[in-house]
Protein backbone atom coordinates (compact mmCIF):
# COMPACT_ATOMS: atom_id res chain seq x y z
CA MET A 1 0.00 0.00 0.00
CA LYS A 2 2.85 2.38 0.86
CA SER A 3 4.56 1.73 -2.46
CA ILE A 4 1.35 2.50 -4.41
CA PHE A 5 1.02 5.75 -2.45
CA LYS A 6 4.65 6.66 -3.24
CA ILE A 7 4.18 5.85 -6.92
CA CYS A 8 1.03 7.99 -7.09
CA LEU A 9 2.79 10.83 -5.29
CA VAL A 10 5.76 10.72 -7.69
CA ALA A 11 3.38 10.60 -10.68
CA ILE A 12 1.46 13.64 -9.39
CA LEU A 13 4.73 15.54 -8.92
CA PHE A 14 5.88 14.74 -12.45
CA LEU A 15 2.53 15.68 -13.96
CA SER A 16 2.29 18.96 -12.06
CA ALA A 17 5.88 19.84 -13.01
CA GLY A 18 5.00 19.19 -16.64
CA MET A 19 1.93 21.41 -16.41
CA VAL A 20 3.93 24.25 -14.88
CA ASN A 21 6.45 24.08 -17.72
CA ALA A 22 3.62 24.01 -20.27
CA GLN A 23 2.14 27.15 -18.72
CA THR A 24 5.18 29.40 -18.95
CA LEU A 25 3.92 32.94 -18.55
CA LYS A 26 5.15 35.54 -21.03
CA PHE A 27 5.25 39.22 -20.23
CA ALA A 28 6.04 42.11 -22.55
CA HIS A 29 6.53 45.84 -22.43
CA ILE A 30 6.18 48.69 -24.89
CA ASP A 31 6.77 52.41 -24.85
CA SER A 32 3.40 53.49 -26.19
CA ASN A 33 4.45 57.15 -26.40
CA ALA A 34 7.39 56.22 -28.64
CA LEU A 35 5.04 54.15 -30.80
CA ILE A 36 2.49 56.98 -31.14
CA GLN A 37 5.24 59.47 -31.99
CA ALA A 38 6.66 57.12 -34.63
CA MET A 39 3.33 56.68 -36.40
CA PRO A 40 3.02 58.86 -39.52
CA GLU A 41 -0.64 59.55 -38.73
CA SER A 42 0.46 61.14 -35.48
CA LYS A 43 2.76 63.55 -37.26
CA ALA A 44 -0.02 64.58 -39.65
CA ALA A 45 -2.46 65.05 -36.77
CA GLN A 46 0.05 67.13 -34.84
CA ALA A 47 0.65 69.35 -37.88
CA SER A 48 -3.10 69.88 -38.24
CA ILE A 49 -3.45 70.75 -34.56
CA GLU A 50 -0.54 73.21 -34.76
CA LYS A 51 -2.09 74.84 -37.83
CA GLU A 52 -5.39 75.26 -35.99
CA ALA A 53 -3.59 76.66 -32.94
CA LYS A 54 -1.71 79.16 -35.08
CA GLY A 55 -4.95 80.40 -36.66
CA LEU A 56 -6.54 80.83 -33.25
CA GLU A 57 -3.46 82.64 -31.94
CA GLU A 58 -3.66 85.07 -34.86
CA GLN A 59 -7.31 85.79 -34.08
CA MET A 60 -6.46 86.27 -30.42
CA GLY A 61 -3.64 88.62 -31.38
CA ALA A 62 -6.03 90.70 -33.48
CA LEU A 63 -8.46 90.98 -30.58
CA GLN A 64 -5.69 91.97 -28.18
CA GLN A 65 -4.36 94.52 -30.66
CA GLU A 66 -7.85 96.01 -30.97
CA TYR A 67 -8.09 96.19 -27.16
CA GLN A 68 -4.69 97.88 -26.86
CA SER A 69 -5.47 100.46 -29.53
CA LYS A 70 -8.86 101.31 -27.96
CA LEU A 71 -7.24 101.58 -24.55
CA ALA A 72 -4.53 103.89 -25.89
CA GLU A 73 -7.14 106.02 -27.68
CA LEU A 74 -9.19 106.29 -24.49
CA SER A 75 -6.11 107.28 -22.49
CA GLU A 76 -5.24 110.01 -24.99
CA LYS A 77 -8.72 111.50 -25.22
CA GLN A 78 -9.77 110.91 -21.63
CA ASP A 79 -9.67 114.59 -20.67
CA SER A 80 -11.56 115.79 -23.75
CA LEU A 81 -14.47 113.31 -23.47
CA THR A 82 -17.70 113.95 -21.62
CA GLU A 83 -18.50 111.66 -18.71
CA ILE A 84 -21.18 109.78 -20.71
CA VAL A 85 -18.91 109.17 -23.71
CA TYR A 86 -16.06 108.18 -21.41
CA GLN A 87 -18.26 105.65 -19.57
CA SER A 88 -19.47 104.28 -22.90
CA LYS A 89 -15.90 103.73 -24.10
CA VAL A 90 -14.95 102.07 -20.79
CA GLU A 91 -17.92 99.72 -21.16
CA ASP A 92 -16.83 98.96 -24.73
CA LEU A 93 -13.37 98.08 -23.42
CA GLN A 94 -14.82 95.86 -20.71
CA SER A 95 -17.02 94.15 -23.27
CA LEU A 96 -14.03 93.59 -25.55
CA GLN A 97 -12.02 92.23 -22.64
CA GLN A 98 -14.85 89.79 -21.87
CA ARG A 99 -14.95 88.72 -25.54
CA ILE A 100 -11.20 88.07 -25.39
CA GLN A 101 -11.60 85.89 -22.31
CA ASN A 102 -14.50 83.98 -23.89
CA PHE A 103 -12.55 83.54 -27.10
CA ASN A 104 -9.56 82.19 -25.17
CA THR A 105 -11.72 79.65 -23.33
CA THR A 106 -13.50 78.58 -26.50
CA ALA A 107 -10.22 78.30 -28.41
CA GLN A 108 -8.71 76.01 -25.77
CA GLN A 109 -11.79 73.80 -25.81
CA ARG A 110 -11.73 73.70 -29.59
CA LEU A 111 -8.08 72.65 -29.65
CA GLN A 112 -8.67 69.91 -27.09
CA GLN A 113 -11.66 68.64 -29.07
CA LYS A 114 -9.69 68.64 -32.33
CA GLN A 115 -6.80 66.85 -30.66
CA GLY A 116 -9.19 64.21 -29.33
CA GLU A 117 -10.84 63.77 -32.73
CA LEU A 118 -7.53 63.41 -34.55
CA MET A 119 -5.62 61.35 -31.99
CA GLN A 120 -8.33 58.87 -30.92
CA PRO A 121 -8.17 56.80 -34.14
CA ILE A 122 -4.37 56.72 -33.81
CA PHE A 123 -4.57 55.48 -30.20
CA THR A 124 -7.14 52.88 -31.25
CA LYS A 125 -4.96 51.64 -34.13
CA ALA A 126 -1.90 51.44 -31.85
CA ASN A 127 -3.81 49.54 -29.14
CA GLU A 128 -5.31 47.10 -31.65
CA THR A 129 -1.89 46.42 -33.16
CA ILE A 130 -0.30 45.96 -29.73
CA GLU A 131 -3.05 43.50 -28.86
CA ALA A 132 -2.59 41.58 -32.13
CA VAL A 133 1.19 41.32 -31.70
CA ALA A 134 0.80 40.30 -28.07
CA LYS A 135 -1.56 37.49 -29.09
CA GLU A 136 0.84 36.38 -31.84
CA GLN A 137 3.68 36.27 -29.30
CA GLY A 138 1.60 34.44 -26.69
CA VAL A 139 1.94 37.28 -24.19
CA ILE A 140 -0.48 37.43 -21.28
CA TYR A 141 0.41 40.95 -20.02
CA VAL A 142 1.81 44.00 -21.78
CA PHE A 143 3.13 46.81 -19.60
CA ASP A 144 3.65 50.35 -20.78
CA ALA A 145 7.37 51.08 -20.38
CA GLY A 146 6.58 54.52 -18.99
CA ALA A 147 4.99 52.99 -15.88
CA VAL A 148 7.25 49.96 -15.26
CA LEU A 149 9.92 50.41 -12.61
CA TYR A 150 11.81 47.23 -13.45
CA LYS A 151 11.82 44.92 -16.43
CA SER A 152 13.63 41.66 -16.82
CA ASN A 153 15.52 40.57 -19.91
CA GLN A 154 12.86 37.87 -20.19
CA SER A 155 10.21 40.53 -20.85
CA ILE A 156 9.59 40.93 -24.57
CA ASP A 157 9.93 44.43 -26.03
CA LEU A 158 6.95 44.69 -28.38
CA LEU A 159 7.88 48.09 -29.83
CA PRO A 160 9.98 46.75 -32.74
CA LEU A 161 7.38 44.05 -33.49
CA VAL A 162 4.47 46.50 -33.44
CA LYS A 163 6.39 49.00 -35.57
CA ALA A 164 7.12 46.24 -38.08
CA LYS A 165 3.44 45.24 -38.17
CA LEU A 166 2.49 48.87 -38.79
CA GLY A 167 5.20 49.26 -41.45
CA ILE A 168 7.14 51.87 -39.47
CA GLN A 169 10.93 51.92 -39.73
């Protein structure tokens, strides 16, 4: 009876050791920021965002220039204006200042929205490609290199594989 127990115990140990070897866990890492920056779509999106920002900055500059010129004009003619005209010009300046603040807020929101619209498909494409490469490599976890404090040489760097799948040099 003891020998049968020992044989069963040895068999269980060999089988469990075989299962552990068959279930080798594979981990990988990728620098997703480097991938996004390397994608040509990202460069085109960034150029479009910068063009939009430049246009908005020009409009903001024109509004600020208008404000400065009206302020200078009011300062010059302050003594020669009646109280009613002076108050009217001050209200105009305050109104213009409020328009500038509103424009600035709206412009920032517009840029953020445009950035989201242009970059979301790029993030989606990158994530889908990372997922596909990870599945091909049999990886169970992929860590973003920006958040990993330590990585072993056994961890697979997916960046070159994902770039190759995307056709990026």
